[in-house]
Amino acid sequence: SRALVAAAGGEPRTGALVVLLPAESDPITAATSEDQAHMTTIWMGSTDDFPADDEPQLLAEEVAAYAAKLDGPIVAPVKERGLLGDDDADVVFLEPTDSLLAMRQGLLDESPAIENMHANAEQFPEWTPHVTLGYPSGVENGPAVAEYDGTEVTFDRLGLWLGGDYTEYPMGGVVDDPITADAASDAQEPGIPAEEYIADDELEDDEEPIEEIPVHGVLAPEGVETG
């Protein structure tokens, strides 16, 4: 993850949103003047309105779990290029394909914390999938920094943006279990799969750790020709 503590003009960032992130190799990544090319997928309002201190952790867990279930990447055809919003943002409008709509709805259906924050935040009348290239009028980060003539955008990660904290989750990625990960990295014996390994501090009170068992046998006879 990375942190961006202020928006243009020095104002602190407070927005909470889930985004789709284009692949690094996608042309739109190099063309945008934004901090990072993205498509806002779920708007959740302001981090100032979070109902509990543990809300960021719940959101992170739900985004990570959902990203791991996606086959990915998601490819969205370009519909047109035009202006959007009061600041006349230069945006690439994308076709709301079945896969794109299903991905977004699935995230709301399977993520209670995200759905709750989304339901309580002020929303536009409808979701318009788009990626912003820049602002020709000079506001924010200015106009697009490169020419763009792409016909589709390939998204390969989900992002959770909470204020100035940006975290990415690859589609189809593995959500590590902290205990399993620690056991495997700290004390795993060679030849024992991580999912079968039990660290000493996980044993029951009446169990003893398994000691190494010596193996006896003939490795190779001496003085015998082998052909």
C-alpha atoms as a PDB file:
ATOM      1  CA  SER A   1       0.000   0.000   0.000  1.00  0.00           C
ATOM      2  CA  ARG A   2       1.020   3.624  -0.303  1.00  0.00           C
ATOM      3  CA  ALA A   3      -0.126   6.793   1.380  1.00  0.00           C
ATOM      4  CA  LEU A   4      -1.051  10.111  -0.208  1.00  0.00           C
ATOM      5  CA  VAL A   5      -1.735  12.524   2.603  1.00  0.00           C
ATOM      6  CA  ALA A   6      -3.162  15.460   0.669  1.00  0.00           C
ATOM      7  CA  ALA A   7      -5.107  16.207  -2.453  1.00  0.00           C
ATOM      8  CA  ALA A   8      -4.337  19.014  -4.881  1.00  0.00           C
ATOM      9  CA  GLY A   9      -4.287  22.323  -3.025  1.00  0.00           C
ATOM     10  CA  GLY A  10      -3.083  20.704   0.197  1.00  0.00           C
ATOM     11  CA  GLU A  11      -6.487  19.606   1.493  1.00  0.00           C
ATOM     12  CA  PRO A  12      -6.478  16.285   3.412  1.00  0.00           C
ATOM     13  CA  ARG A  13      -8.033  13.369   1.556  1.00  0.00           C
ATOM     14  CA  THR A  14     -11.083  11.877   3.263  1.00  0.00           C
ATOM     15  CA  GLY A  15     -12.838   9.912   0.516  1.00  0.00           C
ATOM     16  CA  ALA A  16     -13.510   6.205   0.999  1.00  0.00           C
ATOM     17  CA  LEU A  17     -13.874   4.145  -2.160  1.00  0.00           C
ATOM     18  CA  VAL A  18     -13.178   0.850  -3.870  1.00  0.00           C
ATOM     19  CA  VAL A  19     -11.602   1.215  -7.302  1.00  0.00           C
ATOM     20  CA  LEU A  20     -10.640  -0.944 -10.240  1.00  0.00           C
ATOM     21  CA  LEU A  21      -7.016  -0.392 -11.277  1.00  0.00           C
ATOM     22  CA  PRO A  22      -5.792  -0.746 -14.887  1.00  0.00           C
ATOM     23  CA  ALA A  23      -2.821  -2.973 -15.601  1.00  0.00           C
ATOM     24  CA  GLU A  24       0.517  -1.172 -15.534  1.00  0.00           C
ATOM     25  CA  SER A  25       0.958  -1.979 -19.227  1.00  0.00           C
ATOM     26  CA  ASP A  26      -2.416  -0.525 -20.221  1.00  0.00           C
ATOM     27  CA  PRO A  27      -1.999   2.734 -22.207  1.00  0.00           C
ATOM     28  CA  ILE A  28      -4.440   4.597 -19.967  1.00  0.00           C
ATOM     29  CA  THR A  29      -2.030   4.216 -17.038  1.00  0.00           C
ATOM     30  CA  ALA A  30       0.565   6.389 -18.758  1.00  0.00           C
ATOM     31  CA  ALA A  31      -1.963   8.902 -20.140  1.00  0.00           C
ATOM     32  CA  THR A  32      -3.742  10.040 -16.974  1.00  0.00           C
ATOM     33  CA  SER A  33      -2.606  13.008 -14.919  1.00  0.00           C
ATOM     34  CA  GLU A  34      -4.286  11.548 -11.833  1.00  0.00           C
ATOM     35  CA  ASP A  35      -2.204  10.139  -8.977  1.00  0.00           C
ATOM     36  CA  GLN A  36      -3.123   6.705 -10.317  1.00  0.00           C
ATOM     37  CA  ALA A  37      -5.392   5.638 -13.165  1.00  0.00           C
ATOM     38  CA  HIS A  38      -8.547   4.154 -11.675  1.00  0.00           C
ATOM     39  CA  MET A  39     -12.249   3.549 -12.080  1.00  0.00           C
ATOM     40  CA  THR A  40     -14.354   4.372  -9.028  1.00  0.00           C
ATOM     41  CA  THR A  41     -16.450   1.271  -8.417  1.00  0.00           C
ATOM     42  CA  ILE A  42     -17.957   1.714  -4.937  1.00  0.00           C
ATOM     43  CA  TRP A  43     -18.196   5.161  -3.320  1.00  0.00           C
ATOM     44  CA  MET A  44     -18.487   4.980   0.470  1.00  0.00           C
ATOM     45  CA  GLY A  45     -18.472   8.642   1.446  1.00  0.00           C
ATOM     46  CA  SER A  46     -15.954  10.092   3.886  1.00  0.00           C
ATOM     47  CA  THR A  47     -13.643   8.345   6.323  1.00  0.00           C
ATOM     48  CA  ASP A  48     -14.854  10.940   8.837  1.00  0.00           C
ATOM     49  CA  ASP A  49     -18.211   9.133   8.845  1.00  0.00           C
ATOM     50  CA  PHE A  50     -16.881   5.659   9.663  1.00  0.00           C
ATOM     51  CA  PRO A  51     -19.110   4.165  12.405  1.00  0.00           C
ATOM     52  CA  ALA A  52     -16.319   2.365  14.294  1.00  0.00           C
ATOM     53  CA  ASP A  53     -12.551   2.365  14.720  1.00  0.00           C
ATOM     54  CA  ASP A  54     -12.272  -1.120  13.251  1.00  0.00           C
ATOM     55  CA  GLU A  55     -14.150  -0.215  10.053  1.00  0.00           C
ATOM     56  CA  PRO A  56     -10.996   0.223   7.901  1.00  0.00           C
ATOM     57  CA  GLN A  57      -9.826  -3.273   8.868  1.00  0.00           C
ATOM     58  CA  LEU A  58     -13.232  -4.784   8.023  1.00  0.00           C
ATOM     59  CA  LEU A  59     -13.252  -3.059   4.636  1.00  0.00           C
ATOM     60  CA  ALA A  60      -9.715  -4.239   3.887  1.00  0.00           C
ATOM     61  CA  GLU A  61     -10.578  -7.843   4.753  1.00  0.00           C
ATOM     62  CA  GLU A  62     -13.677  -7.806   2.541  1.00  0.00           C
ATOM     63  CA  VAL A  63     -11.898  -6.263  -0.463  1.00  0.00           C
ATOM     64  CA  ALA A  64      -8.985  -8.685  -0.139  1.00  0.00           C
ATOM     65  CA  ALA A  65     -11.298 -11.695   0.069  1.00  0.00           C
ATOM     66  CA  TYR A  66     -13.396 -10.587  -2.907  1.00  0.00           C
ATOM     67  CA  ALA A  67     -10.355  -9.789  -5.055  1.00  0.00           C
ATOM     68  CA  ALA A  68      -8.981 -13.261  -4.371  1.00  0.00           C
ATOM     69  CA  LYS A  69     -12.197 -14.815  -5.736  1.00  0.00           C
ATOM     70  CA  LEU A  70     -12.116 -12.942  -9.045  1.00  0.00           C
ATOM     71  CA  ASP A  71     -10.728 -14.747 -12.069  1.00  0.00           C
ATOM     72  CA  GLY A  72      -9.595 -11.459 -13.639  1.00  0.00           C
ATOM     73  CA  PRO A  73      -8.506  -9.508 -15.410  1.00  0.00           C
ATOM     74  CA  ILE A  74     -11.644  -7.606 -16.410  1.00  0.00           C
ATOM     75  CA  VAL A  75     -11.586  -6.012 -19.864  1.00  0.00           C
ATOM     76  CA  ALA A  76     -13.996  -3.144 -20.508  1.00  0.00           C
ATOM     77  CA  PRO A  77     -14.489  -1.720 -24.034  1.00  0.00           C
ATOM     78  CA  VAL A  78     -14.168   2.032 -24.469  1.00  0.00           C
ATOM     79  CA  LYS A  79     -17.529   3.623 -25.240  1.00  0.00           C
ATOM     80  CA  GLU A  80     -16.433   7.192 -25.940  1.00  0.00           C
ATOM     81  CA  ARG A  81     -14.321  10.036 -24.645  1.00  0.00           C
ATOM     82  CA  GLY A  82     -15.933  13.180 -23.278  1.00  0.00           C
ATOM     83  CA  LEU A  83     -16.324  15.660 -20.428  1.00  0.00           C
ATOM     84  CA  LEU A  84     -17.866  14.876 -17.054  1.00  0.00           C
ATOM     85  CA  GLY A  85     -18.827  16.862 -13.959  1.00  0.00           C
ATOM     86  CA  ASP A  86     -18.691  20.478 -12.914  1.00  0.00           C
ATOM     87  CA  ASP A  87     -14.929  20.661 -13.579  1.00  0.00           C
ATOM     88  CA  ASP A  88     -15.301  19.239 -17.110  1.00  0.00           C
ATOM     89  CA  ALA A  89     -13.053  16.274 -16.431  1.00  0.00           C
ATOM     90  CA  ASP A  90     -11.631  14.634 -19.570  1.00  0.00           C
ATOM     91  CA  VAL A  91     -12.779  11.026 -19.143  1.00  0.00           C
ATOM     92  CA  VAL A  92     -12.912   7.739 -21.004  1.00  0.00           C
ATOM     93  CA  PHE A  93     -16.417   6.287 -20.672  1.00  0.00           C
ATOM     94  CA  LEU A  94     -16.526   2.487 -20.584  1.00  0.00           C
ATOM     95  CA  GLU A  95     -19.228   0.056 -21.648  1.00  0.00           C
ATOM     96  CA  PRO A  96     -21.110  -1.290 -18.600  1.00  0.00           C
ATOM     97  CA  THR A  97     -20.570  -4.925 -19.619  1.00  0.00           C
ATOM     98  CA  ASP A  98     -22.213  -7.846 -17.832  1.00  0.00           C
ATOM     99  CA  SER A  99     -18.904  -8.855 -16.245  1.00  0.00           C
ATOM    100  CA  LEU A 100     -18.290  -5.325 -14.979  1.00  0.00           C
ATOM    101  CA  LEU A 101     -21.779  -4.999 -13.513  1.00  0.00           C
ATOM    102  CA  ALA A 102     -21.627  -8.482 -11.969  1.00  0.00           C
ATOM    103  CA  MET A 103     -18.272  -7.718 -10.365  1.00  0.00           C
ATOM    104  CA  ARG A 104     -19.604  -4.534  -8.782  1.00  0.00           C
ATOM    105  CA  GLN A 105     -22.876  -6.085  -7.594  1.00  0.00           C
ATOM    106  CA  GLY A 106     -21.066  -9.113  -6.218  1.00  0.00           C
ATOM    107  CA  LEU A 107     -18.836  -6.866  -4.134  1.00  0.00           C
ATOM    108  CA  LEU A 108     -21.893  -5.199  -2.605  1.00  0.00           C
ATOM    109  CA  ASP A 109     -23.708  -8.510  -2.066  1.00  0.00           C
ATOM    110  CA  GLU A 110     -20.787 -10.308  -0.410  1.00  0.00           C
ATOM    111  CA  SER A 111     -19.302  -7.470   1.637  1.00  0.00           C
ATOM    112  CA  PRO A 112     -21.561  -6.300   4.503  1.00  0.00           C
ATOM    113  CA  ALA A 113     -19.295  -3.457   5.662  1.00  0.00           C
ATOM    114  CA  ILE A 114     -18.863  -2.113   2.123  1.00  0.00           C
ATOM    115  CA  GLU A 115     -22.582  -2.382   1.352  1.00  0.00           C
ATOM    116  CA  ASN A 116     -23.444  -0.574   4.586  1.00  0.00           C
ATOM    117  CA  MET A 117     -21.043   2.305   3.923  1.00  0.00           C
ATOM    118  CA  HIS A 118     -22.234   2.555   0.308  1.00  0.00           C
ATOM    119  CA  ALA A 119     -25.909   2.594   1.356  1.00  0.00           C
ATOM    120  CA  ASN A 120     -25.325   5.435   3.832  1.00  0.00           C
ATOM    121  CA  ALA A 121     -23.264   7.631   1.471  1.00  0.00           C
ATOM    122  CA  GLU A 122     -24.744  10.186  -0.911  1.00  0.00           C
ATOM    123  CA  GLN A 123     -24.659   8.744  -4.432  1.00  0.00           C
ATOM    124  CA  PHE A 124     -25.168   9.887  -7.996  1.00  0.00           C
ATOM    125  CA  PRO A 125     -28.432   8.636  -9.588  1.00  0.00           C
ATOM    126  CA  GLU A 126     -26.571   5.930 -11.502  1.00  0.00           C
ATOM    127  CA  TRP A 127     -23.100   4.459 -11.751  1.00  0.00           C
ATOM    128  CA  THR A 128     -21.170   5.653 -14.806  1.00  0.00           C
ATOM    129  CA  PRO A 129     -18.034   3.559 -15.361  1.00  0.00           C
ATOM    130  CA  HIS A 130     -15.190   5.808 -16.498  1.00  0.00           C
ATOM    131  CA  VAL A 131     -11.501   6.555 -16.085  1.00  0.00           C
ATOM    132  CA  THR A 132     -10.387  10.172 -15.775  1.00  0.00           C
ATOM    133  CA  LEU A 133      -7.520  11.263 -18.018  1.00  0.00           C
ATOM    134  CA  GLY A 134      -7.218  14.805 -16.649  1.00  0.00           C
ATOM    135  CA  TYR A 135      -8.714  18.266 -16.347  1.00  0.00           C
ATOM    136  CA  PRO A 136      -8.246  20.529 -19.392  1.00  0.00           C
ATOM    137  CA  SER A 137      -9.310  23.557 -17.329  1.00  0.00           C
ATOM    138  CA  GLY A 138      -6.240  23.143 -15.149  1.00  0.00           C
ATOM    139  CA  VAL A 139      -7.911  22.132 -11.873  1.00  0.00           C
ATOM    140  CA  GLU A 140      -6.653  19.153  -9.893  1.00  0.00           C
ATOM    141  CA  ASN A 141      -3.560  17.744 -11.663  1.00  0.00           C
ATOM    142  CA  GLY A 142      -4.180  19.369 -15.034  1.00  0.00           C
ATOM    143  CA  PRO A 143      -4.834  17.797 -18.445  1.00  0.00           C
ATOM    144  CA  ALA A 144      -3.845  14.318 -19.615  1.00  0.00           C
ATOM    145  CA  VAL A 145      -0.086  13.866 -19.847  1.00  0.00           C
ATOM    146  CA  ALA A 146      -0.082  11.700 -22.989  1.00  0.00           C
ATOM    147  CA  GLU A 147      -2.206  10.948 -26.028  1.00  0.00           C
ATOM    148  CA  TYR A 148      -4.768   8.203 -25.596  1.00  0.00           C
ATOM    149  CA  ASP A 149      -6.582   6.249 -28.300  1.00  0.00           C
ATOM    150  CA  GLY A 150      -7.224   2.903 -26.601  1.00  0.00           C
ATOM    151  CA  THR A 151     -10.265   0.805 -27.475  1.00  0.00           C
ATOM    152  CA  GLU A 152     -10.465  -1.103 -24.184  1.00  0.00           C
ATOM    153  CA  VAL A 153      -9.124  -0.968 -20.641  1.00  0.00           C
ATOM    154  CA  THR A 154      -7.765  -4.002 -18.804  1.00  0.00           C
ATOM    155  CA  PHE A 155      -8.220  -3.990 -15.029  1.00  0.00           C
ATOM    156  CA  ASP A 156      -6.191  -6.489 -12.998  1.00  0.00           C
ATOM    157  CA  ARG A 157      -6.449  -5.231  -9.386  1.00  0.00           C
ATOM    158  CA  LEU A 158      -8.923  -3.915  -6.852  1.00  0.00           C
ATOM    159  CA  GLY A 159      -7.914  -0.932  -4.774  1.00  0.00           C
ATOM    160  CA  LEU A 160      -9.170   0.285  -1.398  1.00  0.00           C
ATOM    161  CA  TRP A 161      -8.641   4.023  -1.009  1.00  0.00           C
ATOM    162  CA  LEU A 162      -9.286   5.372   2.469  1.00  0.00           C
ATOM    163  CA  GLY A 163      -8.339   9.014   2.742  1.00  0.00           C
ATOM    164  CA  GLY A 164      -4.716   9.160   1.633  1.00  0.00           C
ATOM    165  CA  ASP A 165      -4.039   5.441   2.133  1.00  0.00           C
ATOM    166  CA  TYR A 166      -4.056   3.424  -1.108  1.00  0.00           C
ATOM    167  CA  THR A 167      -3.941  -0.387  -0.941  1.00  0.00           C
ATOM    168  CA  GLU A 168      -4.005  -2.769  -3.928  1.00  0.00           C
ATOM    169  CA  TYR A 169      -5.291  -6.358  -4.142  1.00  0.00           C
ATOM    170  CA  PRO A 170      -4.517  -8.451  -7.252  1.00  0.00           C
ATOM    171  CA  MET A 171      -7.431 -10.337  -8.778  1.00  0.00           C
ATOM    172  CA  GLY A 172      -7.081 -14.006  -8.041  1.00  0.00           C
ATOM    173  CA  GLY A 173      -4.528 -13.255  -5.330  1.00  0.00           C
ATOM    174  CA  VAL A 174      -4.089 -15.394  -2.212  1.00  0.00           C
ATOM    175  CA  VAL A 175      -5.370 -14.102   1.123  1.00  0.00           C
ATOM    176  CA  ASP A 176      -2.743 -15.309   3.599  1.00  0.00           C
ATOM    177  CA  ASP A 177      -3.755 -16.719   6.956  1.00  0.00           C
ATOM    178  CA  PRO A 178      -1.507 -14.901   9.456  1.00  0.00           C
ATOM    179  CA  ILE A 179      -0.918 -17.963  11.660  1.00  0.00           C
ATOM    180  CA  THR A 180      -0.120 -20.260   8.739  1.00  0.00           C
ATOM    181  CA  ALA A 181       2.152 -17.663   7.169  1.00  0.00           C
ATOM    182  CA  ASP A 182       4.092 -17.141  10.408  1.00  0.00           C
ATOM    183  CA  ALA A 183       4.460 -20.840  11.061  1.00  0.00           C
ATOM    184  CA  ALA A 184       5.684 -21.548   7.560  1.00  0.00           C
ATOM    185  CA  SER A 185       8.240 -18.738   7.564  1.00  0.00           C
ATOM    186  CA  ASP A 186       9.523 -19.056  11.142  1.00  0.00           C
ATOM    187  CA  ALA A 187       9.822 -22.745  11.926  1.00  0.00           C
ATOM    188  CA  GLN A 188       8.533 -25.008   9.192  1.00  0.00           C
ATOM    189  CA  GLU A 189      10.416 -28.306   8.866  1.00  0.00           C
ATOM    190  CA  PRO A 190      11.562 -29.205   5.344  1.00  0.00           C
ATOM    191  CA  GLY A 191       9.132 -31.462   3.552  1.00  0.00           C
ATOM    192  CA  ILE A 192       6.088 -30.569   5.648  1.00  0.00           C
ATOM    193  CA  PRO A 193       3.423 -28.563   3.747  1.00  0.00           C
ATOM    194  CA  ALA A 194       2.534 -25.269   5.399  1.00  0.00           C
ATOM    195  CA  GLU A 195      -1.113 -26.238   5.780  1.00  0.00           C
ATOM    196  CA  GLU A 196      -0.133 -29.372   7.775  1.00  0.00           C
ATOM    197  CA  TYR A 197       2.526 -27.765   9.949  1.00  0.00           C
ATOM    198  CA  ILE A 198       1.710 -27.012  13.599  1.00  0.00           C
ATOM    199  CA  ALA A 199       4.005 -24.638  15.449  1.00  0.00           C
ATOM    200  CA  ASP A 200       5.082 -25.532  19.002  1.00  0.00           C
ATOM    201  CA  ASP A 201       2.991 -22.722  20.499  1.00  0.00           C
ATOM    202  CA  GLU A 202      -0.147 -24.173  18.874  1.00  0.00           C
ATOM    203  CA  LEU A 203       0.127 -27.580  20.624  1.00  0.00           C
ATOM    204  CA  GLU A 204      -2.375 -28.567  23.278  1.00  0.00           C
ATOM    205  CA  ASP A 205      -1.167 -28.477  26.896  1.00  0.00           C
ATOM    206  CA  ASP A 206      -0.829 -32.267  27.113  1.00  0.00           C
ATOM    207  CA  GLU A 207       0.939 -32.683  23.749  1.00  0.00           C
ATOM    208  CA  GLU A 208       4.671 -32.901  23.219  1.00  0.00           C
ATOM    209  CA  PRO A 209       6.492 -31.676  20.098  1.00  0.00           C
ATOM    210  CA  ILE A 210       7.538 -34.470  17.751  1.00  0.00           C
ATOM    211  CA  GLU A 211      11.293 -34.942  17.980  1.00  0.00           C
ATOM    212  CA  GLU A 212      13.425 -35.841  14.958  1.00  0.00           C
ATOM    213  CA  ILE A 213      13.442 -39.608  14.400  1.00  0.00           C
ATOM    214  CA  PRO A 214      16.779 -41.067  13.217  1.00  0.00           C
ATOM    215  CA  VAL A 215      16.646 -43.340  10.161  1.00  0.00           C
ATOM    216  CA  HIS A 216      18.861 -46.499   9.977  1.00  0.00           C
ATOM    217  CA  GLY A 217      19.664 -48.569   6.908  1.00  0.00           C
ATOM    218  CA  VAL A 218      22.193 -49.417   4.215  1.00  0.00           C
ATOM    219  CA  LEU A 219      22.982 -46.542   1.910  1.00  0.00           C
ATOM    220  CA  ALA A 220      25.315 -48.499  -0.411  1.00  0.00           C
ATOM    221  CA  PRO A 221      27.406 -51.693   0.001  1.00  0.00           C
ATOM    222  CA  GLU A 222      31.171 -51.328  -0.199  1.00  0.00           C
ATOM    223  CA  GLY A 223      33.423 -53.435  -2.408  1.00  0.00           C
ATOM    224  CA  VAL A 224      30.638 -54.598  -4.732  1.00  0.00           C
ATOM    225  CA  GLU A 225      30.699 -53.748  -8.437  1.00  0.00           C
ATOM    226  CA  THR A 226      27.498 -52.189  -9.634  1.00  0.00           C
ATOM    227  CA  GLY A 227      27.789 -52.640 -13.423  1.00  0.00           C
END
